[in-house]
C-alpha atoms as a PDB file:
ATOM      1  CA  MET A   1     -86.416  97.325-129.163  1.00  0.00           C
ATOM      2  CA  CYS A   2     -87.419 100.682-130.268  1.00  0.00           C
ATOM      3  CA  SER A   3     -84.574 103.208-130.916  1.00  0.00           C
ATOM      4  CA  SER A   4     -85.570 106.780-130.905  1.00  0.00           C
ATOM      5  CA  THR A   5     -83.706 108.656-133.495  1.00  0.00           C
ATOM      6  CA  THR A   6     -83.647 112.337-132.731  1.00  0.00           C
ATOM      7  CA  GLU A   7     -82.381 114.998-135.123  1.00  0.00           C
ATOM      8  CA  PRO A   8     -79.317 116.774-133.946  1.00  0.00           C
ATOM      9  CA  PRO A   9     -80.119 120.488-133.799  1.00  0.00           C
ATOM     10  CA  GLU A  10     -78.988 122.398-136.760  1.00  0.00           C
ATOM     11  CA  ASP A  11     -76.002 124.579-135.911  1.00  0.00           C
ATOM     12  CA  GLY A  12     -75.976 128.296-136.960  1.00  0.00           C
ATOM     13  CA  LEU A  13     -73.490 127.649-139.783  1.00  0.00           C
ATOM     14  CA  ALA A  14     -75.619 125.021-141.537  1.00  0.00           C
ATOM     15  CA  VAL A  15     -78.813 127.285-141.150  1.00  0.00           C
ATOM     16  CA  THR A  16     -76.859 130.321-142.622  1.00  0.00           C
ATOM     17  CA  ALA A  17     -75.457 128.327-145.512  1.00  0.00           C
ATOM     18  CA  LYS A  18     -78.897 126.854-146.378  1.00  0.00           C
ATOM     19  CA  ALA A  19     -80.317 130.321-146.230  1.00  0.00           C
ATOM     20  CA  ILE A  20     -77.785 132.073-148.130  1.00  0.00           C
ATOM     21  CA  THR A  21     -78.137 129.524-150.951  1.00  0.00           C
ATOM     22  CA  ASP A  22     -82.070 129.920-150.911  1.00  0.00           C
ATOM     23  CA  LEU A  23     -81.729 133.647-151.072  1.00  0.00           C
ATOM     24  CA  GLU A  24     -79.198 133.467-153.797  1.00  0.00           C
ATOM     25  CA  ASP A  25     -81.316 131.055-155.768  1.00  0.00           C
ATOM     26  CA  LEU A  26     -84.374 133.298-155.226  1.00  0.00           C
ATOM     27  CA  VAL A  27     -82.553 136.554-156.345  1.00  0.00           C
ATOM     28  CA  ASN A  28     -81.408 134.724-159.687  1.00  0.00           C
ATOM     29  CA  LEU A  29     -84.893 133.321-160.434  1.00  0.00           C
ATOM     30  CA  VAL A  30     -86.645 136.786-159.921  1.00  0.00           C
ATOM     31  CA  GLY A  31     -83.983 138.546-161.961  1.00  0.00           C
ATOM     32  CA  LYS A  32     -84.245 136.031-164.783  1.00  0.00           C
ATOM     33  CA  GLY A  33     -88.051 136.380-164.689  1.00  0.00           C
ATOM     34  CA  LEU A  34     -88.168 140.232-165.073  1.00  0.00           C
ATOM     35  CA  SER A  35     -89.026 141.652-168.472  1.00  0.00           C
ATOM     36  CA  ARG A  36     -87.189 144.881-167.886  1.00  0.00           C
ATOM     37  CA  ALA A  37     -89.521 146.741-170.136  1.00  0.00           C
ATOM     38  CA  LYS A  38     -90.881 148.782-167.169  1.00  0.00           C
ATOM     39  CA  PRO A  39     -89.143 151.293-165.063  1.00  0.00           C
ATOM     40  CA  TRP A  40     -90.026 149.246-161.787  1.00  0.00           C
ATOM     41  CA  ALA A  41     -88.642 146.174-163.113  1.00  0.00           C
ATOM     42  CA  ARG A  42     -85.271 147.911-164.376  1.00  0.00           C
ATOM     43  CA  HIS A  43     -85.141 149.365-160.836  1.00  0.00           C
ATOM     44  CA  LEU A  44     -85.748 145.782-159.342  1.00  0.00           C
ATOM     45  CA  ALA A  45     -83.072 144.252-161.378  1.00  0.00           C
ATOM     46  CA  ALA A  46     -80.478 146.910-160.253  1.00  0.00           C
ATOM     47  CA  GLN A  47     -81.599 146.172-156.612  1.00  0.00           C
ATOM     48  CA  LEU A  48     -81.463 142.344-157.158  1.00  0.00           C
ATOM     49  CA  LEU A  49     -77.796 142.864-158.575  1.00  0.00           C
ATOM     50  CA  ALA A  50     -76.738 144.759-155.395  1.00  0.00           C
ATOM     51  CA  ILE A  51     -78.478 141.819-153.308  1.00  0.00           C
ATOM     52  CA  ASP A  52     -76.464 139.425-155.315  1.00  0.00           C
ATOM     53  CA  ARG A  53     -73.140 141.297-154.614  1.00  0.00           C
ATOM     54  CA  LEU A  54     -73.967 141.592-150.738  1.00  0.00           C
ATOM     55  CA  LEU A  55     -74.494 137.811-150.910  1.00  0.00           C
ATOM     56  CA  LEU A  56     -71.058 137.456-152.213  1.00  0.00           C
ATOM     57  CA  VAL A  57     -69.599 139.733-149.819  1.00  0.00           C
ATOM     58  CA  LEU A  58     -71.318 137.804-146.821  1.00  0.00           C
ATOM     59  CA  ARG A  59     -70.135 134.453-148.350  1.00  0.00           C
ATOM     60  CA  MET A  60     -66.475 135.940-148.469  1.00  0.00           C
ATOM     61  CA  THR A  61     -66.480 137.322-145.062  1.00  0.00           C
ATOM     62  CA  ILE A  62     -67.567 134.105-143.682  1.00  0.00           C
ATOM     63  CA  ALA A  63     -65.199 132.028-145.659  1.00  0.00           C
ATOM     64  CA  MET A  64     -62.256 134.231-144.657  1.00  0.00           C
ATOM     65  CA  SER A  65     -63.047 134.037-141.054  1.00  0.00           C
ATOM     66  CA  ARG A  66     -63.438 137.755-140.707  1.00  0.00           C
ATOM     67  CA  PRO A  67     -64.276 139.033-137.048  1.00  0.00           C
ATOM     68  CA  GLU A  68     -67.822 138.919-135.907  1.00  0.00           C
ATOM     69  CA  ASP A  69     -68.351 142.469-136.423  1.00  0.00           C
ATOM     70  CA  GLU A  70     -67.413 142.341-140.195  1.00  0.00           C
ATOM     71  CA  ILE A  71     -69.803 139.335-140.595  1.00  0.00           C
ATOM     72  CA  PHE A  72     -72.799 140.887-138.648  1.00  0.00           C
ATOM     73  CA  ALA A  73     -72.364 144.226-140.783  1.00  0.00           C
ATOM     74  CA  ALA A  74     -72.410 142.233-144.149  1.00  0.00           C
ATOM     75  CA  ALA A  75     -75.511 140.218-142.889  1.00  0.00           C
ATOM     76  CA  ASN A  76     -77.295 143.578-141.603  1.00  0.00           C
ATOM     77  CA  SER A  77     -76.434 145.310-145.257  1.00  0.00           C
ATOM     78  CA  LEU A  78     -78.022 142.196-146.960  1.00  0.00           C
ATOM     79  CA  ARG A  79     -81.223 142.286-144.803  1.00  0.00           C
ATOM     80  CA  THR A  80     -81.376 146.212-145.545  1.00  0.00           C
ATOM     81  CA  ALA A  81     -80.892 145.774-149.198  1.00  0.00           C
ATOM     82  CA  CYS A  82     -83.786 143.084-149.256  1.00  0.00           C
ATOM     83  CA  CYS A  83     -85.872 145.469-147.346  1.00  0.00           C
ATOM     84  CA  LYS A  84     -85.352 148.328-149.923  1.00  0.00           C
ATOM     85  CA  ALA A  85     -86.014 146.054-152.609  1.00  0.00           C
ATOM     86  CA  ASP A  86     -89.218 144.935-151.126  1.00  0.00           C
ATOM     87  CA  LEU A  87     -90.368 148.569-150.412  1.00  0.00           C
ATOM     88  CA  ALA A  88     -89.720 149.567-154.038  1.00  0.00           C
ATOM     89  CA  VAL A  89     -91.642 146.608-155.347  1.00  0.00           C
ATOM     90  CA  ALA A  90     -94.692 147.346-152.952  1.00  0.00           C
ATOM     91  CA  GLY A  91     -95.106 150.712-154.428  1.00  0.00           C
ATOM     92  CA  SER A  92     -95.067 149.378-157.988  1.00  0.00           C
ATOM     93  CA  ARG A  93     -97.367 147.567-160.523  1.00  0.00           C
ATOM     94  CA  ALA A  94     -95.253 144.319-159.831  1.00  0.00           C
ATOM     95  CA  ASP A  95     -97.378 141.053-159.830  1.00  0.00           C
ATOM     96  CA  LEU A  96     -98.206 139.263-156.778  1.00  0.00           C
ATOM     97  CA  THR A  97     -95.552 136.632-157.464  1.00  0.00           C
ATOM     98  CA  THR A  98     -92.767 139.046-157.470  1.00  0.00           C
ATOM     99  CA  ARG A  99     -94.240 140.675-154.322  1.00  0.00           C
ATOM    100  CA  ALA A 100     -94.243 137.309-152.538  1.00  0.00           C
ATOM    101  CA  ALA A 101     -90.813 136.696-153.753  1.00  0.00           C
ATOM    102  CA  MET A 102     -89.386 139.930-152.277  1.00  0.00           C
ATOM    103  CA  ARG A 103     -91.105 139.196-148.990  1.00  0.00           C
ATOM    104  CA  LEU A 104     -89.489 135.772-149.145  1.00  0.00           C
ATOM    105  CA  ALA A 105     -86.206 137.473-149.609  1.00  0.00           C
ATOM    106  CA  ILE A 106     -86.686 139.513-146.581  1.00  0.00           C
ATOM    107  CA  ASP A 107     -87.682 136.513-144.545  1.00  0.00           C
ATOM    108  CA  LEU A 108     -84.622 134.602-145.772  1.00  0.00           C
ATOM    109  CA  SER A 109     -82.267 137.550-144.867  1.00  0.00           C
ATOM    110  CA  VAL A 110     -83.578 137.549-141.403  1.00  0.00           C
ATOM    111  CA  VAL A 111     -82.928 133.821-141.058  1.00  0.00           C
ATOM    112  CA  VAL A 112     -79.476 134.696-142.017  1.00  0.00           C
ATOM    113  CA  CYS A 113     -79.077 137.366-139.326  1.00  0.00           C
ATOM    114  CA  GLU A 114     -80.727 135.149-136.657  1.00  0.00           C
ATOM    115  CA  ALA A 115     -78.615 132.075-137.531  1.00  0.00           C
ATOM    116  CA  LEU A 116     -75.629 134.306-137.016  1.00  0.00           C
ATOM    117  CA  ASP A 117     -76.985 135.729-133.727  1.00  0.00           C
ATOM    118  CA  LEU A 118     -77.579 138.987-135.090  1.00  0.00           C
ATOM    119  CA  GLY A 119     -80.203 140.135-132.722  1.00  0.00           C
ATOM    120  CA  GLU A 120     -81.783 143.435-132.070  1.00  0.00           C
ATOM    121  CA  ALA A 121     -79.097 144.285-129.716  1.00  0.00           C
ATOM    122  CA  ARG A 122     -76.312 144.015-132.225  1.00  0.00           C
ATOM    123  CA  THR A 123     -78.137 146.042-135.025  1.00  0.00           C
ATOM    124  CA  SER A 124     -77.492 149.327-133.110  1.00  0.00           C
END
């Protein structure tokens, strides 16, 4: 007697929660690892602080069951902030680990947006 156990598909909220937690952990780790001795590191630290605040806004927006438009706006703001931070790092002397971490931050922010069903049609 063989029982096939299939994993239930993860719902958007579970995927969103995991991606938000992973992004928050990544932002905190990168922020702790910066020396802030160089201008690019100070600039990145400020951008990471902004990302952290946007993560808080997104969490609060979801927790307060705000309208979808507000949740989508918060998620899109988070994705935009991650993209700006990545662009700033790309043009600096940041090490490869920091660059890879910022690329991962963008990927996680995209996962958050997709999990919330924030497709290209809604970003206009």
